mmCIF file of all heavy atoms, coordinates in Angstrom:
data_MODEL
# 
_entry.id   MODEL 
# 
loop_
_atom_site.group_PDB 
_atom_site.id 
_atom_site.type_symbol 
_atom_site.label_atom_id 
_atom_site.label_alt_id 
_atom_site.label_comp_id 
_atom_site.label_asym_id 
_atom_site.label_entity_id 
_atom_site.label_seq_id 
_atom_site.pdbx_PDB_ins_code 
_atom_site.Cartn_x 
_atom_site.Cartn_y 
_atom_site.Cartn_z 
_atom_site.occupancy 
_atom_site.B_iso_or_equiv 
_atom_site.pdbx_formal_charge 
_atom_site.auth_seq_id 
_atom_site.auth_comp_id 
_atom_site.auth_asym_id 
_atom_site.auth_atom_id 
_atom_site.pdbx_PDB_model_num 
ATOM 1   N N   . ASP A 1 1  ? 173.161 105.221 71.025 1.00 0.00 ? 1  ASP A N   1 
ATOM 2   C CA  . ASP A 1 1  ? 171.989 104.921 71.853 1.00 0.00 ? 1  ASP A CA  1 
ATOM 3   C C   . ASP A 1 1  ? 170.852 105.896 71.568 1.00 0.00 ? 1  ASP A C   1 
ATOM 4   O O   . ASP A 1 1  ? 169.692 105.497 71.443 1.00 0.00 ? 1  ASP A O   1 
ATOM 5   C CB  . ASP A 1 1  ? 172.370 104.962 73.330 1.00 0.00 ? 1  ASP A CB  1 
ATOM 6   C CG  . ASP A 1 1  ? 171.201 104.635 74.224 1.00 0.00 ? 1  ASP A CG  1 
ATOM 7   O OD1 . ASP A 1 1  ? 170.643 103.519 74.075 1.00 0.00 ? 1  ASP A OD1 1 
ATOM 8   O OD2 . ASP A 1 1  ? 170.833 105.487 75.056 1.00 0.00 ? 1  ASP A OD2 1 
ATOM 9   N N   . TRP A 1 2  ? 171.176 107.182 71.424 1.00 0.00 ? 2  TRP A N   1 
ATOM 10  C CA  . TRP A 1 2  ? 170.143 108.179 71.157 1.00 0.00 ? 2  TRP A CA  1 
ATOM 11  C C   . TRP A 1 2  ? 169.437 107.885 69.839 1.00 0.00 ? 2  TRP A C   1 
ATOM 12  O O   . TRP A 1 2  ? 168.218 107.895 69.759 1.00 0.00 ? 2  TRP A O   1 
ATOM 13  C CB  . TRP A 1 2  ? 170.755 109.583 71.133 1.00 0.00 ? 2  TRP A CB  1 
ATOM 14  C CG  . TRP A 1 2  ? 169.711 110.649 71.047 1.00 0.00 ? 2  TRP A CG  1 
ATOM 15  C CD1 . TRP A 1 2  ? 169.119 111.302 72.075 1.00 0.00 ? 2  TRP A CD1 1 
ATOM 16  C CD2 . TRP A 1 2  ? 169.126 111.176 69.840 1.00 0.00 ? 2  TRP A CD2 1 
ATOM 17  N NE1 . TRP A 1 2  ? 168.201 112.204 71.583 1.00 0.00 ? 2  TRP A NE1 1 
ATOM 18  C CE2 . TRP A 1 2  ? 168.188 112.140 70.216 1.00 0.00 ? 2  TRP A CE2 1 
ATOM 19  C CE3 . TRP A 1 2  ? 169.310 110.919 68.487 1.00 0.00 ? 2  TRP A CE3 1 
ATOM 20  C CZ2 . TRP A 1 2  ? 167.428 112.854 69.289 1.00 0.00 ? 2  TRP A CZ2 1 
ATOM 21  C CZ3 . TRP A 1 2  ? 168.553 111.618 67.560 1.00 0.00 ? 2  TRP A CZ3 1 
ATOM 22  C CH2 . TRP A 1 2  ? 167.633 112.576 67.961 1.00 0.00 ? 2  TRP A CH2 1 
ATOM 23  N N   . PHE A 1 3  ? 170.221 107.612 68.784 1.00 0.00 ? 3  PHE A N   1 
ATOM 24  C CA  . PHE A 1 3  ? 169.620 107.324 67.481 1.00 0.00 ? 3  PHE A CA  1 
ATOM 25  C C   . PHE A 1 3  ? 168.785 106.044 67.534 1.00 0.00 ? 3  PHE A C   1 
ATOM 26  O O   . PHE A 1 3  ? 167.703 105.984 66.952 1.00 0.00 ? 3  PHE A O   1 
ATOM 27  C CB  . PHE A 1 3  ? 170.688 107.245 66.387 1.00 0.00 ? 3  PHE A CB  1 
ATOM 28  C CG  . PHE A 1 3  ? 171.082 108.591 65.847 1.00 0.00 ? 3  PHE A CG  1 
ATOM 29  C CD1 . PHE A 1 3  ? 172.199 109.243 66.333 1.00 0.00 ? 3  PHE A CD1 1 
ATOM 30  C CD2 . PHE A 1 3  ? 170.335 109.205 64.855 1.00 0.00 ? 3  PHE A CD2 1 
ATOM 31  C CE1 . PHE A 1 3  ? 172.567 110.488 65.846 1.00 0.00 ? 3  PHE A CE1 1 
ATOM 32  C CE2 . PHE A 1 3  ? 170.687 110.447 64.361 1.00 0.00 ? 3  PHE A CE2 1 
ATOM 33  C CZ  . PHE A 1 3  ? 171.810 111.091 64.850 1.00 0.00 ? 3  PHE A CZ  1 
ATOM 34  N N   . ARG A 1 4  ? 169.257 105.023 68.224 1.00 0.00 ? 4  ARG A N   1 
ATOM 35  C CA  . ARG A 1 4  ? 168.482 103.779 68.347 1.00 0.00 ? 4  ARG A CA  1 
ATOM 36  C C   . ARG A 1 4  ? 167.168 104.017 69.075 1.00 0.00 ? 4  ARG A C   1 
ATOM 37  O O   . ARG A 1 4  ? 166.130 103.490 68.679 1.00 0.00 ? 4  ARG A O   1 
ATOM 38  C CB  . ARG A 1 4  ? 169.293 102.716 69.084 1.00 0.00 ? 4  ARG A CB  1 
ATOM 39  C CG  . ARG A 1 4  ? 170.315 102.057 68.200 1.00 0.00 ? 4  ARG A CG  1 
ATOM 40  C CD  . ARG A 1 4  ? 170.979 100.910 68.933 1.00 0.00 ? 4  ARG A CD  1 
ATOM 41  N NE  . ARG A 1 4  ? 171.884 100.215 68.047 1.00 0.00 ? 4  ARG A NE  1 
ATOM 42  C CZ  . ARG A 1 4  ? 172.948 99.556  68.446 1.00 0.00 ? 4  ARG A CZ  1 
ATOM 43  N NH1 . ARG A 1 4  ? 173.254 99.496  69.736 1.00 0.00 ? 4  ARG A NH1 1 
ATOM 44  N NH2 . ARG A 1 4  ? 173.724 98.950  67.584 1.00 0.00 ? 4  ARG A NH2 1 
ATOM 45  N N   . ARG A 1 5  ? 167.205 104.788 70.164 1.00 0.00 ? 5  ARG A N   1 
ATOM 46  C CA  . ARG A 1 5  ? 165.984 105.049 70.939 1.00 0.00 ? 5  ARG A CA  1 
ATOM 47  C C   . ARG A 1 5  ? 164.978 105.881 70.156 1.00 0.00 ? 5  ARG A C   1 
ATOM 48  O O   . ARG A 1 5  ? 163.783 105.753 70.354 1.00 0.00 ? 5  ARG A O   1 
ATOM 49  C CB  . ARG A 1 5  ? 166.324 105.743 72.258 1.00 0.00 ? 5  ARG A CB  1 
ATOM 50  C CG  . ARG A 1 5  ? 166.885 104.792 73.304 1.00 0.00 ? 5  ARG A CG  1 
ATOM 51  C CD  . ARG A 1 5  ? 167.072 105.444 74.671 1.00 0.00 ? 5  ARG A CD  1 
ATOM 52  N NE  . ARG A 1 5  ? 168.209 106.380 74.675 1.00 0.00 ? 5  ARG A NE  1 
ATOM 53  C CZ  . ARG A 1 5  ? 168.091 107.713 74.710 1.00 0.00 ? 5  ARG A CZ  1 
ATOM 54  N NH1 . ARG A 1 5  ? 166.925 108.291 74.797 1.00 0.00 ? 5  ARG A NH1 1 
ATOM 55  N NH2 . ARG A 1 5  ? 169.174 108.471 74.696 1.00 0.00 ? 5  ARG A NH2 1 
ATOM 56  N N   . HIS A 1 6  ? 165.453 106.728 69.268 1.00 0.00 ? 6  HIS A N   1 
ATOM 57  C CA  . HIS A 1 6  ? 164.551 107.602 68.523 1.00 0.00 ? 6  HIS A CA  1 
ATOM 58  C C   . HIS A 1 6  ? 164.146 107.028 67.164 1.00 0.00 ? 6  HIS A C   1 
ATOM 59  O O   . HIS A 1 6  ? 163.344 107.643 66.461 1.00 0.00 ? 6  HIS A O   1 
ATOM 60  C CB  . HIS A 1 6  ? 165.177 108.986 68.364 1.00 0.00 ? 6  HIS A CB  1 
ATOM 61  C CG  . HIS A 1 6  ? 165.207 109.740 69.645 1.00 0.00 ? 6  HIS A CG  1 
ATOM 62  N ND1 . HIS A 1 6  ? 166.226 109.603 70.557 1.00 0.00 ? 6  HIS A ND1 1 
ATOM 63  C CD2 . HIS A 1 6  ? 164.328 110.609 70.183 1.00 0.00 ? 6  HIS A CD2 1 
ATOM 64  C CE1 . HIS A 1 6  ? 165.973 110.361 71.597 1.00 0.00 ? 6  HIS A CE1 1 
ATOM 65  N NE2 . HIS A 1 6  ? 164.839 110.984 71.400 1.00 0.00 ? 6  HIS A NE2 1 
ATOM 66  N N   . ALA A 1 7  ? 164.666 105.882 66.804 1.00 0.00 ? 7  ALA A N   1 
ATOM 67  C CA  . ALA A 1 7  ? 164.276 105.227 65.552 1.00 0.00 ? 7  ALA A CA  1 
ATOM 68  C C   . ALA A 1 7  ? 162.991 104.434 65.781 1.00 0.00 ? 7  ALA A C   1 
ATOM 69  O O   . ALA A 1 7  ? 162.748 103.928 66.872 1.00 0.00 ? 7  ALA A O   1 
ATOM 70  C CB  . ALA A 1 7  ? 165.392 104.299 65.073 1.00 0.00 ? 7  ALA A CB  1 
ATOM 71  N N   . ALA A 1 8  ? 162.178 104.344 64.754 1.00 0.00 ? 8  ALA A N   1 
ATOM 72  C CA  . ALA A 1 8  ? 160.922 103.597 64.849 1.00 0.00 ? 8  ALA A CA  1 
ATOM 73  C C   . ALA A 1 8  ? 161.225 102.129 65.111 1.00 0.00 ? 8  ALA A C   1 
ATOM 74  O O   . ALA A 1 8  ? 161.861 101.462 64.299 1.00 0.00 ? 8  ALA A O   1 
ATOM 75  C CB  . ALA A 1 8  ? 160.118 103.757 63.566 1.00 0.00 ? 8  ALA A CB  1 
ATOM 76  N N   . LYS A 1 9  ? 160.803 101.618 66.252 1.00 0.00 ? 9  LYS A N   1 
ATOM 77  C CA  . LYS A 1 9  ? 161.011 100.219 66.646 1.00 0.00 ? 9  LYS A CA  1 
ATOM 78  C C   . LYS A 1 9  ? 162.487 99.823  66.587 1.00 0.00 ? 9  LYS A C   1 
ATOM 79  O O   . LYS A 1 9  ? 162.829 98.691  66.302 1.00 0.00 ? 9  LYS A O   1 
ATOM 80  C CB  . LYS A 1 9  ? 160.181 99.287  65.777 1.00 0.00 ? 9  LYS A CB  1 
ATOM 81  C CG  . LYS A 1 9  ? 158.695 99.510  65.910 1.00 0.00 ? 9  LYS A CG  1 
ATOM 82  C CD  . LYS A 1 9  ? 157.907 98.550  65.061 1.00 0.00 ? 9  LYS A CD  1 
ATOM 83  C CE  . LYS A 1 9  ? 156.433 98.835  65.169 1.00 0.00 ? 9  LYS A CE  1 
ATOM 84  N NZ  . LYS A 1 9  ? 155.637 98.000  64.288 1.00 0.00 ? 9  LYS A NZ  1 
ATOM 85  N N   . GLY A 1 10 ? 163.376 100.790 66.805 1.00 0.00 ? 10 GLY A N   1 
ATOM 86  C CA  . GLY A 1 10 ? 164.806 100.504 66.798 1.00 0.00 ? 10 GLY A CA  1 
ATOM 87  C C   . GLY A 1 10 ? 165.389 100.249 65.435 1.00 0.00 ? 10 GLY A C   1 
ATOM 88  O O   . GLY A 1 10 ? 166.548 99.878  65.298 1.00 0.00 ? 10 GLY A O   1 
ATOM 89  N N   . ARG A 1 11 ? 164.589 100.455 64.392 1.00 0.00 ? 11 ARG A N   1 
ATOM 90  C CA  . ARG A 1 11 ? 165.057 100.184 63.034 1.00 0.00 ? 11 ARG A CA  1 
ATOM 91  C C   . ARG A 1 11 ? 165.318 101.492 62.306 1.00 0.00 ? 11 ARG A C   1 
ATOM 92  O O   . ARG A 1 11 ? 164.652 102.480 62.527 1.00 0.00 ? 11 ARG A O   1 
ATOM 93  C CB  . ARG A 1 11 ? 164.020 99.375  62.276 1.00 0.00 ? 11 ARG A CB  1 
ATOM 94  C CG  . ARG A 1 11 ? 163.751 98.030  62.956 1.00 0.00 ? 11 ARG A CG  1 
ATOM 95  C CD  . ARG A 1 11 ? 162.687 97.269  62.275 1.00 0.00 ? 11 ARG A CD  1 
ATOM 96  N NE  . ARG A 1 11 ? 163.180 96.876  60.955 1.00 0.00 ? 11 ARG A NE  1 
ATOM 97  C CZ  . ARG A 1 11 ? 162.402 96.391  60.023 1.00 0.00 ? 11 ARG A CZ  1 
ATOM 98  N NH1 . ARG A 1 11 ? 161.126 96.228  60.228 1.00 0.00 ? 11 ARG A NH1 1 
ATOM 99  N NH2 . ARG A 1 11 ? 162.899 96.040  58.852 1.00 0.00 ? 11 ARG A NH2 1 
ATOM 100 N N   . GLY A 1 12 ? 166.283 101.498 61.430 1.00 0.00 ? 12 GLY A N   1 
ATOM 101 C CA  . GLY A 1 12 ? 166.570 102.659 60.612 1.00 0.00 ? 12 GLY A CA  1 
ATOM 102 C C   . GLY A 1 12 ? 167.463 103.695 61.283 1.00 0.00 ? 12 GLY A C   1 
ATOM 103 O O   . GLY A 1 12 ? 167.594 104.801 60.784 1.00 0.00 ? 12 GLY A O   1 
ATOM 104 N N   . TYR A 1 13 ? 168.069 103.324 62.402 1.00 0.00 ? 13 TYR A N   1 
ATOM 105 C CA  . TYR A 1 13 ? 168.887 104.314 63.099 1.00 0.00 ? 13 TYR A CA  1 
ATOM 106 C C   . TYR A 1 13 ? 170.128 104.686 62.288 1.00 0.00 ? 13 TYR A C   1 
ATOM 107 O O   . TYR A 1 13 ? 170.586 105.830 62.336 1.00 0.00 ? 13 TYR A O   1 
ATOM 108 C CB  . TYR A 1 13 ? 169.260 103.845 64.507 1.00 0.00 ? 13 TYR A CB  1 
ATOM 109 C CG  . TYR A 1 13 ? 170.317 102.775 64.565 1.00 0.00 ? 13 TYR A CG  1 
ATOM 110 C CD1 . TYR A 1 13 ? 171.653 103.108 64.758 1.00 0.00 ? 13 TYR A CD1 1 
ATOM 111 C CD2 . TYR A 1 13 ? 169.989 101.433 64.423 1.00 0.00 ? 13 TYR A CD2 1 
ATOM 112 C CE1 . TYR A 1 13 ? 172.634 102.132 64.818 1.00 0.00 ? 13 TYR A CE1 1 
ATOM 113 C CE2 . TYR A 1 13 ? 170.956 100.459 64.484 1.00 0.00 ? 13 TYR A CE2 1 
ATOM 114 C CZ  . TYR A 1 13 ? 172.273 100.808 64.674 1.00 0.00 ? 13 TYR A CZ  1 
ATOM 115 O OH  . TYR A 1 13 ? 173.233 99.840  64.725 1.00 0.00 ? 13 TYR A OH  1 
ATOM 116 N N   . GLN A 1 14 ? 170.668 103.755 61.516 1.00 0.00 ? 14 GLN A N   1 
ATOM 117 C CA  . GLN A 1 14 ? 171.835 104.075 60.694 1.00 0.00 ? 14 GLN A CA  1 
ATOM 118 C C   . GLN A 1 14 ? 171.459 105.048 59.576 1.00 0.00 ? 14 GLN A C   1 
ATOM 119 O O   . GLN A 1 14 ? 172.226 105.948 59.239 1.00 0.00 ? 14 GLN A O   1 
ATOM 120 C CB  . GLN A 1 14 ? 172.438 102.799 60.110 1.00 0.00 ? 14 GLN A CB  1 
ATOM 121 C CG  . GLN A 1 14 ? 173.074 101.925 61.168 1.00 0.00 ? 14 GLN A CG  1 
ATOM 122 C CD  . GLN A 1 14 ? 173.570 100.606 60.601 1.00 0.00 ? 14 GLN A CD  1 
ATOM 123 O OE1 . GLN A 1 14 ? 173.094 100.136 59.564 1.00 0.00 ? 14 GLN A OE1 1 
ATOM 124 N NE2 . GLN A 1 14 ? 174.529 100.015 61.280 1.00 0.00 ? 14 GLN A NE2 1 
ATOM 125 N N   . THR A 1 15 ? 170.261 104.885 59.033 1.00 0.00 ? 15 THR A N   1 
ATOM 126 C CA  . THR A 1 15 ? 169.774 105.814 58.017 1.00 0.00 ? 15 THR A CA  1 
ATOM 127 C C   . THR A 1 15 ? 169.626 107.205 58.618 1.00 0.00 ? 15 THR A C   1 
ATOM 128 O O   . THR A 1 15 ? 169.961 108.210 57.986 1.00 0.00 ? 15 THR A O   1 
ATOM 129 C CB  . THR A 1 15 ? 168.431 105.334 57.449 1.00 0.00 ? 15 THR A CB  1 
ATOM 130 O OG1 . THR A 1 15 ? 168.623 104.045 56.863 1.00 0.00 ? 15 THR A OG1 1 
ATOM 131 C CG2 . THR A 1 15 ? 167.879 106.288 56.412 1.00 0.00 ? 15 THR A CG2 1 
ATOM 132 N N   . GLU A 1 16 ? 169.147 107.273 59.854 1.00 0.00 ? 16 GLU A N   1 
ATOM 133 C CA  . GLU A 1 16 ? 168.999 108.570 60.514 1.00 0.00 ? 16 GLU A CA  1 
ATOM 134 C C   . GLU A 1 16 ? 170.360 109.214 60.806 1.00 0.00 ? 16 GLU A C   1 
ATOM 135 O O   . GLU A 1 16 ? 170.505 110.427 60.683 1.00 0.00 ? 16 GLU A O   1 
ATOM 136 C CB  . GLU A 1 16 ? 168.187 108.427 61.805 1.00 0.00 ? 16 GLU A CB  1 
ATOM 137 C CG  . GLU A 1 16 ? 166.720 108.165 61.551 1.00 0.00 ? 16 GLU A CG  1 
ATOM 138 C CD  . GLU A 1 16 ? 166.068 109.258 60.701 1.00 0.00 ? 16 GLU A CD  1 
ATOM 139 O OE1 . GLU A 1 16 ? 166.300 110.458 60.971 1.00 0.00 ? 16 GLU A OE1 1 
ATOM 140 O OE2 . GLU A 1 16 ? 165.340 108.909 59.766 1.00 0.00 ? 16 GLU A OE2 1 
ATOM 141 N N   . ILE A 1 17 ? 171.329 108.400 61.168 1.00 0.00 ? 17 ILE A N   1 
ATOM 142 C CA  . ILE A 1 17 ? 172.689 108.925 61.369 1.00 0.00 ? 17 ILE A CA  1 
ATOM 143 C C   . ILE A 1 17 ? 173.215 109.480 60.048 1.00 0.00 ? 17 ILE A C   1 
ATOM 144 O O   . ILE A 1 17 ? 173.782 110.581 59.994 1.00 0.00 ? 17 ILE A O   1 
ATOM 145 C CB  . ILE A 1 17 ? 173.632 107.846 61.941 1.00 0.00 ? 17 ILE A CB  1 
ATOM 146 C CG1 . ILE A 1 17 ? 173.219 107.493 63.376 1.00 0.00 ? 17 ILE A CG1 1 
ATOM 147 C CG2 . ILE A 1 17 ? 175.091 108.303 61.885 1.00 0.00 ? 17 ILE A CG2 1 
ATOM 148 C CD1 . ILE A 1 17 ? 173.955 106.287 63.947 1.00 0.00 ? 17 ILE A CD1 1 
ATOM 149 N N   . ASN A 1 18 ? 173.008 108.746 58.960 1.00 0.00 ? 18 ASN A N   1 
ATOM 150 C CA  . ASN A 1 18 ? 173.433 109.201 57.639 1.00 0.00 ? 18 ASN A CA  1 
ATOM 151 C C   . ASN A 1 18 ? 172.739 110.509 57.281 1.00 0.00 ? 18 ASN A C   1 
ATOM 152 O O   . ASN A 1 18 ? 173.367 111.449 56.770 1.00 0.00 ? 18 ASN A O   1 
ATOM 153 C CB  . ASN A 1 18 ? 173.130 108.135 56.582 1.00 0.00 ? 18 ASN A CB  1 
ATOM 154 C CG  . ASN A 1 18 ? 173.722 108.487 55.236 1.00 0.00 ? 18 ASN A CG  1 
ATOM 155 O OD1 . ASN A 1 18 ? 174.928 108.449 55.059 1.00 0.00 ? 18 ASN A OD1 1 
ATOM 156 N ND2 . ASN A 1 18 ? 172.868 108.832 54.296 1.00 0.00 ? 18 ASN A ND2 1 
ATOM 157 N N   . ARG A 1 19 ? 171.436 110.604 57.567 1.00 0.00 ? 19 ARG A N   1 
ATOM 158 C CA  . ARG A 1 19 ? 170.680 111.820 57.267 1.00 0.00 ? 19 ARG A CA  1 
ATOM 159 C C   . ARG A 1 19 ? 171.217 113.012 58.075 1.00 0.00 ? 19 ARG A C   1 
ATOM 160 O O   . ARG A 1 19 ? 171.349 114.113 57.550 1.00 0.00 ? 19 ARG A O   1 
ATOM 161 C CB  . ARG A 1 19 ? 169.198 111.597 57.559 1.00 0.00 ? 19 ARG A CB  1 
ATOM 162 C CG  . ARG A 1 19 ? 168.317 112.726 57.072 1.00 0.00 ? 19 ARG A CG  1 
ATOM 163 C CD  . ARG A 1 19 ? 166.843 112.369 57.161 1.00 0.00 ? 19 ARG A CD  1 
ATOM 164 N NE  . ARG A 1 19 ? 166.561 111.308 56.210 1.00 0.00 ? 19 ARG A NE  1 
ATOM 165 C CZ  . ARG A 1 19 ? 165.854 110.202 56.486 1.00 0.00 ? 19 ARG A CZ  1 
ATOM 166 N NH1 . ARG A 1 19 ? 165.367 110.032 57.687 1.00 0.00 ? 19 ARG A NH1 1 
ATOM 167 N NH2 . ARG A 1 19 ? 165.645 109.303 55.566 1.00 0.00 ? 19 ARG A NH2 1 
ATOM 168 N N   . ALA A 1 20 ? 171.534 112.784 59.334 1.00 0.00 ? 20 ALA A N   1 
ATOM 169 C CA  . ALA A 1 20 ? 172.076 113.858 60.170 1.00 0.00 ? 20 ALA A CA  1 
ATOM 170 C C   . ALA A 1 20 ? 173.434 114.330 59.628 1.00 0.00 ? 20 ALA A C   1 
ATOM 171 O O   . ALA A 1 20 ? 173.711 115.535 59.581 1.00 0.00 ? 20 ALA A O   1 
ATOM 172 C CB  . ALA A 1 20 ? 172.218 113.384 61.613 1.00 0.00 ? 20 ALA A CB  1 
ATOM 173 N N   . LEU A 1 21 ? 174.261 113.378 59.214 1.00 0.00 ? 21 LEU A N   1 
ATOM 174 C CA  . LEU A 1 21 ? 175.557 113.741 58.644 1.00 0.00 ? 21 LEU A CA  1 
ATOM 175 C C   . LEU A 1 21 ? 175.390 114.502 57.326 1.00 0.00 ? 21 LEU A C   1 
ATOM 176 O O   . LEU A 1 21 ? 176.084 115.486 57.067 1.00 0.00 ? 21 LEU A O   1 
ATOM 177 C CB  . LEU A 1 21 ? 176.413 112.492 58.429 1.00 0.00 ? 21 LEU A CB  1 
ATOM 178 C CG  . LEU A 1 21 ? 176.931 111.827 59.703 1.00 0.00 ? 21 LEU A CG  1 
ATOM 179 C CD1 . LEU A 1 21 ? 177.532 110.468 59.387 1.00 0.00 ? 21 LEU A CD1 1 
ATOM 180 C CD2 . LEU A 1 21 ? 177.946 112.720 60.400 1.00 0.00 ? 21 LEU A CD2 1 
ATOM 181 N N   . ARG A 1 22 ? 174.451 114.059 56.499 1.00 0.00 ? 22 ARG A N   1 
ATOM 182 C CA  . ARG A 1 22 ? 174.197 114.732 55.228 1.00 0.00 ? 22 ARG A CA  1 
ATOM 183 C C   . ARG A 1 22 ? 173.710 116.161 55.469 1.00 0.00 ? 22 ARG A C   1 
ATOM 184 O O   . ARG A 1 22 ? 174.145 117.099 54.802 1.00 0.00 ? 22 ARG A O   1 
ATOM 185 C CB  . ARG A 1 22 ? 173.175 113.966 54.397 1.00 0.00 ? 22 ARG A CB  1 
ATOM 186 C CG  . ARG A 1 22 ? 172.859 114.633 53.062 1.00 0.00 ? 22 ARG A CG  1 
ATOM 187 C CD  . ARG A 1 22 ? 171.997 113.781 52.178 1.00 0.00 ? 22 ARG A CD  1 
ATOM 188 N NE  . ARG A 1 22 ? 172.661 112.571 51.756 1.00 0.00 ? 22 ARG A NE  1 
ATOM 189 C CZ  . ARG A 1 22 ? 173.587 112.527 50.792 1.00 0.00 ? 22 ARG A CZ  1 
ATOM 190 N NH1 . ARG A 1 22 ? 173.968 113.615 50.190 1.00 0.00 ? 22 ARG A NH1 1 
ATOM 191 N NH2 . ARG A 1 22 ? 174.135 111.379 50.459 1.00 0.00 ? 22 ARG A NH2 1 
ATOM 192 N N   . ASP A 1 23 ? 172.804 116.359 56.428 1.00 0.00 ? 23 ASP A N   1 
ATOM 193 C CA  . ASP A 1 23 ? 172.331 117.709 56.760 1.00 0.00 ? 23 ASP A CA  1 
ATOM 194 C C   . ASP A 1 23 ? 173.496 118.600 57.185 1.00 0.00 ? 23 ASP A C   1 
ATOM 195 O O   . ASP A 1 23 ? 173.585 119.760 56.779 1.00 0.00 ? 23 ASP A O   1 
ATOM 196 C CB  . ASP A 1 23 ? 171.287 117.665 57.876 1.00 0.00 ? 23 ASP A CB  1 
ATOM 197 C CG  . ASP A 1 23 ? 169.962 117.091 57.422 1.00 0.00 ? 23 ASP A CG  1 
ATOM 198 O OD1 . ASP A 1 23 ? 169.741 116.975 56.194 1.00 0.00 ? 23 ASP A OD1 1 
ATOM 199 O OD2 . ASP A 1 23 ? 169.150 116.745 58.293 1.00 0.00 ? 23 ASP A OD2 1 
ATOM 200 N N   . HIS A 1 24 ? 174.382 118.052 57.985 1.00 0.00 ? 24 HIS A N   1 
ATOM 201 C CA  . HIS A 1 24 ? 175.556 118.811 58.442 1.00 0.00 ? 24 HIS A CA  1 
ATOM 202 C C   . HIS A 1 24 ? 176.436 119.212 57.249 1.00 0.00 ? 24 HIS A C   1 
ATOM 203 O O   . HIS A 1 24 ? 176.872 120.363 57.141 1.00 0.00 ? 24 HIS A O   1 
ATOM 204 C CB  . HIS A 1 24 ? 176.357 117.982 59.443 1.00 0.00 ? 24 HIS A CB  1 
ATOM 205 C CG  . HIS A 1 24 ? 177.625 118.638 59.878 1.00 0.00 ? 24 HIS A CG  1 
ATOM 206 N ND1 . HIS A 1 24 ? 177.649 119.692 60.766 1.00 0.00 ? 24 HIS A ND1 1 
ATOM 207 C CD2 . HIS A 1 24 ? 178.911 118.415 59.520 1.00 0.00 ? 24 HIS A CD2 1 
ATOM 208 C CE1 . HIS A 1 24 ? 178.903 120.083 60.937 1.00 0.00 ? 24 HIS A CE1 1 
ATOM 209 N NE2 . HIS A 1 24 ? 179.687 119.313 60.200 1.00 0.00 ? 24 HIS A NE2 1 
ATOM 210 N N   . VAL A 1 25 ? 176.678 118.272 56.352 1.00 0.00 ? 25 VAL A N   1 
ATOM 211 C CA  . VAL A 1 25 ? 177.507 118.540 55.174 1.00 0.00 ? 25 VAL A CA  1 
ATOM 212 C C   . VAL A 1 25 ? 176.865 119.632 54.322 1.00 0.00 ? 25 VAL A C   1 
ATOM 213 O O   . VAL A 1 25 ? 177.542 120.563 53.873 1.00 0.00 ? 25 VAL A O   1 
ATOM 214 C CB  . VAL A 1 25 ? 177.724 117.249 54.349 1.00 0.00 ? 25 VAL A CB  1 
ATOM 215 C CG1 . VAL A 1 25 ? 178.317 117.548 52.988 1.00 0.00 ? 25 VAL A CG1 1 
ATOM 216 C CG2 . VAL A 1 25 ? 178.602 116.275 55.113 1.00 0.00 ? 25 VAL A CG2 1 
# 
């Protein structure tokens, strides 16, 4: 829900999740 709410127009939230995971790695 957090990623969906913070994505532009609800789009790209999966890409943002991937980016967050990549940053962590």
